[in-house]
Amino acid sequence: MMKNYDVIVVGGGPGGYVAAIRASQLGLKVALVEKRGALGGTCLNVGCIPSKALLDTSEFFARARDEAAVHGISLGKPKIDVATMMKRKAGVVKKLTGGVASLMKMNGVDVYSGVGRLTGPKKVEVSAPAGAPAGASAGAETLTAPNIILATGSEPVELPFLPFDGKAVVDSTGALEFESVPKELIV
């Protein structure tokens, strides 16, 4: 079954979700297609925002370690609890992605979870993303619109001579998921 829209936005990052909201505010019927489990794109899910959450925690640690005594505050030797840091980071991301999802709902934008693929003039096929659990989608859906916005964002690029192995060589997403603080790190 085909579903018809005035505008289809492929990509739910900062460019895509803002375009979807604005199109809806202008009175257009809008669909947004996002392959991640949450809206917000690379920046919100695995880039800028999680990085800033970890930097904020790191700064808090450094200030406690280096500046508390100057203020007459004795804290002892602070320790990093990486699991708690990661839990806080995940909470920040969840809150903000939930906010974007609420904005879509408030603005009447229909959100489709899956991979959007142009299949012809004015047509986008939405199918389950790679790695989705079996049964995640009952098959592909076809959306149509006279206006299609491609806002697919960014992905890390692997160097042919230095492939990501998830341990010694990681992409930006993997660098935000360490379970312990590395003794050394080259960026």
C-alpha atoms as a PDB file:
ATOM      1  CA  MET A   1       0.000   0.000   0.000  1.00  0.00           C
ATOM      2  CA  MET A   2       1.341   3.420  -0.944  1.00  0.00           C
ATOM      3  CA  LYS A   3       1.073   6.365   1.398  1.00  0.00           C
ATOM      4  CA  ASN A   4       1.019   9.850  -0.102  1.00  0.00           C
ATOM      5  CA  TYR A   5       2.653  12.947   1.333  1.00  0.00           C
ATOM      6  CA  ASP A   6       3.541  16.451   0.208  1.00  0.00           C
ATOM      7  CA  VAL A   7       7.113  16.075   1.501  1.00  0.00           C
ATOM      8  CA  ILE A   8       9.236  13.090   2.483  1.00  0.00           C
ATOM      9  CA  VAL A   9      12.408  13.753   4.461  1.00  0.00           C
ATOM     10  CA  VAL A  10      14.990  10.960   4.478  1.00  0.00           C
ATOM     11  CA  GLY A  11      17.177  11.404   7.554  1.00  0.00           C
ATOM     12  CA  GLY A  12      16.167  12.405  11.066  1.00  0.00           C
ATOM     13  CA  GLY A  13      19.220  14.428  12.065  1.00  0.00           C
ATOM     14  CA  PRO A  14      19.346  18.176  12.692  1.00  0.00           C
ATOM     15  CA  GLY A  15      18.885  18.996   9.001  1.00  0.00           C
ATOM     16  CA  GLY A  16      16.110  16.479   8.423  1.00  0.00           C
ATOM     17  CA  TYR A  17      13.972  16.942  11.491  1.00  0.00           C
ATOM     18  CA  VAL A  18      14.109  20.741  11.251  1.00  0.00           C
ATOM     19  CA  ALA A  19      13.079  20.565   7.566  1.00  0.00           C
ATOM     20  CA  ALA A  20      10.214  18.212   8.484  1.00  0.00           C
ATOM     21  CA  ILE A  21       8.970  20.532  11.221  1.00  0.00           C
ATOM     22  CA  ARG A  22       9.116  23.589   8.987  1.00  0.00           C
ATOM     23  CA  ALA A  23       7.320  21.855   6.122  1.00  0.00           C
ATOM     24  CA  SER A  24       4.583  20.781   8.528  1.00  0.00           C
ATOM     25  CA  GLN A  25       4.310  24.322   9.912  1.00  0.00           C
ATOM     26  CA  LEU A  26       3.748  25.495   6.337  1.00  0.00           C
ATOM     27  CA  GLY A  27       0.721  23.202   6.126  1.00  0.00           C
ATOM     28  CA  LEU A  28       2.267  20.300   4.211  1.00  0.00           C
ATOM     29  CA  LYS A  29       1.691  16.614   4.969  1.00  0.00           C
ATOM     30  CA  VAL A  30       5.138  15.316   5.967  1.00  0.00           C
ATOM     31  CA  ALA A  31       6.824  11.943   6.459  1.00  0.00           C
ATOM     32  CA  LEU A  32      10.267  11.542   7.984  1.00  0.00           C
ATOM     33  CA  VAL A  33      12.288   8.340   7.480  1.00  0.00           C
ATOM     34  CA  GLU A  34      15.090   7.489   9.940  1.00  0.00           C
ATOM     35  CA  LYS A  35      17.211   4.329  10.016  1.00  0.00           C
ATOM     36  CA  ARG A  36      18.371   4.647  13.637  1.00  0.00           C
ATOM     37  CA  GLY A  37      16.207   3.636  16.535  1.00  0.00           C
ATOM     38  CA  ALA A  38      16.022   7.276  17.612  1.00  0.00           C
ATOM     39  CA  LEU A  39      15.800  10.649  15.911  1.00  0.00           C
ATOM     40  CA  GLY A  40      18.543  13.250  16.122  1.00  0.00           C
ATOM     41  CA  GLY A  41      21.129  11.877  13.718  1.00  0.00           C
ATOM     42  CA  THR A  42      24.806  11.323  14.359  1.00  0.00           C
ATOM     43  CA  CYS A  43      25.150  14.525  16.384  1.00  0.00           C
ATOM     44  CA  LEU A  44      22.536  13.683  18.967  1.00  0.00           C
ATOM     45  CA  ASN A  45      22.934   9.887  19.126  1.00  0.00           C
ATOM     46  CA  VAL A  46      26.646   9.130  18.734  1.00  0.00           C
ATOM     47  CA  GLY A  47      28.482  12.400  18.127  1.00  0.00           C
ATOM     48  CA  CYS A  48      28.321  15.914  19.509  1.00  0.00           C
ATOM     49  CA  ILE A  49      25.894  15.444  22.387  1.00  0.00           C
ATOM     50  CA  PRO A  50      27.325  12.227  23.885  1.00  0.00           C
ATOM     51  CA  SER A  51      30.826  13.709  23.492  1.00  0.00           C
ATOM     52  CA  LYS A  52      29.781  16.854  25.343  1.00  0.00           C
ATOM     53  CA  ALA A  53      28.123  14.811  28.095  1.00  0.00           C
ATOM     54  CA  LEU A  54      31.392  12.913  28.635  1.00  0.00           C
ATOM     55  CA  LEU A  55      33.447  16.117  28.443  1.00  0.00           C
ATOM     56  CA  ASP A  56      31.189  17.697  31.062  1.00  0.00           C
ATOM     57  CA  THR A  57      31.774  14.737  33.397  1.00  0.00           C
ATOM     58  CA  SER A  58      35.526  14.843  32.700  1.00  0.00           C
ATOM     59  CA  GLU A  59      35.647  18.548  33.492  1.00  0.00           C
ATOM     60  CA  PHE A  60      33.704  17.971  36.708  1.00  0.00           C
ATOM     61  CA  PHE A  61      36.248  15.269  37.670  1.00  0.00           C
ATOM     62  CA  ALA A  62      39.231  17.514  36.882  1.00  0.00           C
ATOM     63  CA  ARG A  63      37.789  20.428  38.866  1.00  0.00           C
ATOM     64  CA  ALA A  64      37.095  18.188  41.873  1.00  0.00           C
ATOM     65  CA  ARG A  65      40.632  16.795  41.676  1.00  0.00           C
ATOM     66  CA  ASP A  66      42.452  20.064  41.006  1.00  0.00           C
ATOM     67  CA  GLU A  67      40.405  22.877  42.515  1.00  0.00           C
ATOM     68  CA  ALA A  68      38.432  21.652  45.544  1.00  0.00           C
ATOM     69  CA  ALA A  69      41.328  21.993  48.005  1.00  0.00           C
ATOM     70  CA  VAL A  70      41.841  25.653  47.028  1.00  0.00           C
ATOM     71  CA  HIS A  71      38.293  26.268  48.248  1.00  0.00           C
ATOM     72  CA  GLY A  72      38.922  24.435  51.524  1.00  0.00           C
ATOM     73  CA  ILE A  73      37.081  21.321  50.390  1.00  0.00           C
ATOM     74  CA  SER A  74      38.727  17.966  51.072  1.00  0.00           C
ATOM     75  CA  LEU A  75      37.403  15.251  48.809  1.00  0.00           C
ATOM     76  CA  GLY A  76      40.168  12.700  48.908  1.00  0.00           C
ATOM     77  CA  LYS A  77      41.319  11.206  45.645  1.00  0.00           C
ATOM     78  CA  PRO A  78      38.412  11.197  43.165  1.00  0.00           C
ATOM     79  CA  LYS A  79      37.861   8.067  41.078  1.00  0.00           C
ATOM     80  CA  ILE A  80      36.144   7.642  37.730  1.00  0.00           C
ATOM     81  CA  ASP A  81      33.233   5.215  37.542  1.00  0.00           C
ATOM     82  CA  VAL A  82      33.015   4.683  33.771  1.00  0.00           C
ATOM     83  CA  ALA A  83      29.765   2.703  33.977  1.00  0.00           C
ATOM     84  CA  THR A  84      28.043   5.588  35.772  1.00  0.00           C
ATOM     85  CA  MET A  85      29.507   8.089  33.275  1.00  0.00           C
ATOM     86  CA  MET A  86      28.111   6.045  30.407  1.00  0.00           C
ATOM     87  CA  LYS A  87      24.730   5.706  32.104  1.00  0.00           C
ATOM     88  CA  ARG A  88      24.547   9.499  32.501  1.00  0.00           C
ATOM     89  CA  LYS A  89      25.563   9.984  28.851  1.00  0.00           C
ATOM     90  CA  ALA A  90      22.861   7.555  27.720  1.00  0.00           C
ATOM     91  CA  GLY A  91      20.304   9.393  29.852  1.00  0.00           C
ATOM     92  CA  VAL A  92      21.201  12.738  28.280  1.00  0.00           C
ATOM     93  CA  VAL A  93      20.885  11.246  24.783  1.00  0.00           C
ATOM     94  CA  LYS A  94      17.583   9.513  25.603  1.00  0.00           C
ATOM     95  CA  LYS A  95      16.074  12.716  26.990  1.00  0.00           C
ATOM     96  CA  LEU A  96      17.067  14.752  23.926  1.00  0.00           C
ATOM     97  CA  THR A  97      16.045  12.138  21.335  1.00  0.00           C
ATOM     98  CA  GLY A  98      12.730  11.837  23.156  1.00  0.00           C
ATOM     99  CA  GLY A  99      12.365  15.602  22.830  1.00  0.00           C
ATOM    100  CA  VAL A 100      12.874  15.411  19.067  1.00  0.00           C
ATOM    101  CA  ALA A 101      10.303  12.602  18.829  1.00  0.00           C
ATOM    102  CA  SER A 102       7.847  14.782  20.774  1.00  0.00           C
ATOM    103  CA  LEU A 103       8.464  17.653  18.356  1.00  0.00           C
ATOM    104  CA  MET A 104       7.584  15.367  15.445  1.00  0.00           C
ATOM    105  CA  LYS A 105       4.351  14.334  17.136  1.00  0.00           C
ATOM    106  CA  MET A 106       3.433  17.924  18.102  1.00  0.00           C
ATOM    107  CA  ASN A 107       3.975  19.027  14.504  1.00  0.00           C
ATOM    108  CA  GLY A 108       2.054  16.162  12.926  1.00  0.00           C
ATOM    109  CA  VAL A 109       5.052  14.597  11.169  1.00  0.00           C
ATOM    110  CA  ASP A 110       4.670  10.860  10.462  1.00  0.00           C
ATOM    111  CA  VAL A 111       7.905   9.103  11.435  1.00  0.00           C
ATOM    112  CA  TYR A 112       8.965   5.862   9.732  1.00  0.00           C
ATOM    113  CA  SER A 113      11.743   3.749  11.268  1.00  0.00           C
ATOM    114  CA  GLY A 114      13.801   2.080   8.594  1.00  0.00           C
ATOM    115  CA  VAL A 115      16.079   2.669   5.656  1.00  0.00           C
ATOM    116  CA  GLY A 116      14.706   5.048   3.038  1.00  0.00           C
ATOM    117  CA  ARG A 117      15.625   4.299  -0.576  1.00  0.00           C
ATOM    118  CA  LEU A 118      14.616   6.225  -3.669  1.00  0.00           C
ATOM    119  CA  THR A 119      12.910   3.751  -5.992  1.00  0.00           C
ATOM    120  CA  GLY A 120      11.688   6.101  -8.682  1.00  0.00           C
ATOM    121  CA  PRO A 121      10.456   9.610  -9.276  1.00  0.00           C
ATOM    122  CA  LYS A 122       8.587  10.793  -6.185  1.00  0.00           C
ATOM    123  CA  LYS A 123       8.916   7.392  -4.449  1.00  0.00           C
ATOM    124  CA  VAL A 124      10.725   6.289  -1.289  1.00  0.00           C
ATOM    125  CA  GLU A 125      10.744   2.697  -0.104  1.00  0.00           C
ATOM    126  CA  VAL A 126      11.123   2.206   3.652  1.00  0.00           C
ATOM    127  CA  SER A 127      12.523  -1.137   4.804  1.00  0.00           C
ATOM    128  CA  ALA A 128      13.970  -2.464   8.051  1.00  0.00           C
ATOM    129  CA  PRO A 129      17.517  -1.258   8.710  1.00  0.00           C
ATOM    130  CA  ALA A 130      20.423  -3.694   8.318  1.00  0.00           C
ATOM    131  CA  GLY A 131      20.893  -5.674  11.515  1.00  0.00           C
ATOM    132  CA  ALA A 132      17.268  -5.208  12.607  1.00  0.00           C
ATOM    133  CA  PRO A 133      15.843  -8.150  14.517  1.00  0.00           C
ATOM    134  CA  ALA A 134      13.886 -10.676  12.483  1.00  0.00           C
ATOM    135  CA  GLY A 135      10.280  -9.605  12.199  1.00  0.00           C
ATOM    136  CA  ALA A 136      11.142  -5.950  12.860  1.00  0.00           C
ATOM    137  CA  SER A 137       9.216  -4.927   9.772  1.00  0.00           C
ATOM    138  CA  ALA A 138       6.372  -6.599   7.978  1.00  0.00           C
ATOM    139  CA  GLY A 139       8.066  -5.702   4.695  1.00  0.00           C
ATOM    140  CA  ALA A 140       8.822  -2.554   2.816  1.00  0.00           C
ATOM    141  CA  GLU A 141       6.411   0.369   2.657  1.00  0.00           C
ATOM    142  CA  THR A 142       6.282   2.755  -0.276  1.00  0.00           C
ATOM    143  CA  LEU A 143       5.794   6.459   0.321  1.00  0.00           C
ATOM    144  CA  THR A 144       5.179   9.004  -2.421  1.00  0.00           C
ATOM    145  CA  ALA A 145       5.579  12.776  -2.521  1.00  0.00           C
ATOM    146  CA  PRO A 146       6.279  15.442  -5.129  1.00  0.00           C
ATOM    147  CA  ASN A 147       9.024  16.775  -2.814  1.00  0.00           C
ATOM    148  CA  ILE A 148      11.771  14.630  -1.308  1.00  0.00           C
ATOM    149  CA  ILE A 149      14.507  16.014   0.926  1.00  0.00           C
ATOM    150  CA  LEU A 150      17.659  13.928   1.362  1.00  0.00           C
ATOM    151  CA  ALA A 151      19.246  14.741   4.722  1.00  0.00           C
ATOM    152  CA  THR A 152      21.151  11.512   5.291  1.00  0.00           C
ATOM    153  CA  GLY A 153      23.970  12.950   7.391  1.00  0.00           C
ATOM    154  CA  SER A 154      27.347  11.390   8.006  1.00  0.00           C
ATOM    155  CA  GLU A 155      28.956   8.028   8.685  1.00  0.00           C
ATOM    156  CA  PRO A 156      32.527   7.239   9.803  1.00  0.00           C
ATOM    157  CA  VAL A 157      34.784   6.135   6.944  1.00  0.00           C
ATOM    158  CA  GLU A 158      37.134   3.233   7.466  1.00  0.00           C
ATOM    159  CA  LEU A 159      40.665   3.546   6.104  1.00  0.00           C
ATOM    160  CA  PRO A 160      41.475   0.567   3.829  1.00  0.00           C
ATOM    161  CA  PHE A 161      44.833  -0.022   5.537  1.00  0.00           C
ATOM    162  CA  LEU A 162      43.457   0.418   9.093  1.00  0.00           C
ATOM    163  CA  PRO A 163      40.068  -1.298   9.442  1.00  0.00           C
ATOM    164  CA  PHE A 164      37.891  -0.823  12.529  1.00  0.00           C
ATOM    165  CA  ASP A 165      38.299  -3.805  14.832  1.00  0.00           C
ATOM    166  CA  GLY A 166      36.351  -2.446  17.811  1.00  0.00           C
ATOM    167  CA  LYS A 167      39.377  -2.760  20.103  1.00  0.00           C
ATOM    168  CA  ALA A 168      42.585  -1.088  18.926  1.00  0.00           C
ATOM    169  CA  VAL A 169      40.975   0.827  16.052  1.00  0.00           C
ATOM    170  CA  VAL A 170      37.540   2.321  16.629  1.00  0.00           C
ATOM    171  CA  ASP A 171      35.348   4.844  14.891  1.00  0.00           C
ATOM    172  CA  SER A 172      33.918   7.896  16.630  1.00  0.00           C
ATOM    173  CA  THR A 173      30.951   5.884  17.900  1.00  0.00           C
ATOM    174  CA  GLY A 174      33.209   3.212  19.403  1.00  0.00           C
ATOM    175  CA  ALA A 175      35.336   5.868  21.091  1.00  0.00           C
ATOM    176  CA  LEU A 176      32.254   6.967  23.021  1.00  0.00           C
ATOM    177  CA  GLU A 177      31.553   3.425  24.251  1.00  0.00           C
ATOM    178  CA  PHE A 178      34.799   2.472  26.030  1.00  0.00           C
ATOM    179  CA  GLU A 179      34.193   0.422  29.177  1.00  0.00           C
ATOM    180  CA  SER A 180      37.357   1.754  30.821  1.00  0.00           C
ATOM    181  CA  VAL A 181      39.624   4.744  30.380  1.00  0.00           C
ATOM    182  CA  PRO A 182      42.402   3.833  27.899  1.00  0.00           C
ATOM    183  CA  LYS A 183      45.950   4.314  29.151  1.00  0.00           C
ATOM    184  CA  GLU A 184      46.842   5.751  25.724  1.00  0.00           C
ATOM    185  CA  LEU A 185      44.731   7.060  22.888  1.00  0.00           C
ATOM    186  CA  ILE A 186      45.666   8.403  19.467  1.00  0.00           C
ATOM    187  CA  VAL A 187      43.081  10.439  17.604  1.00  0.00           C
END
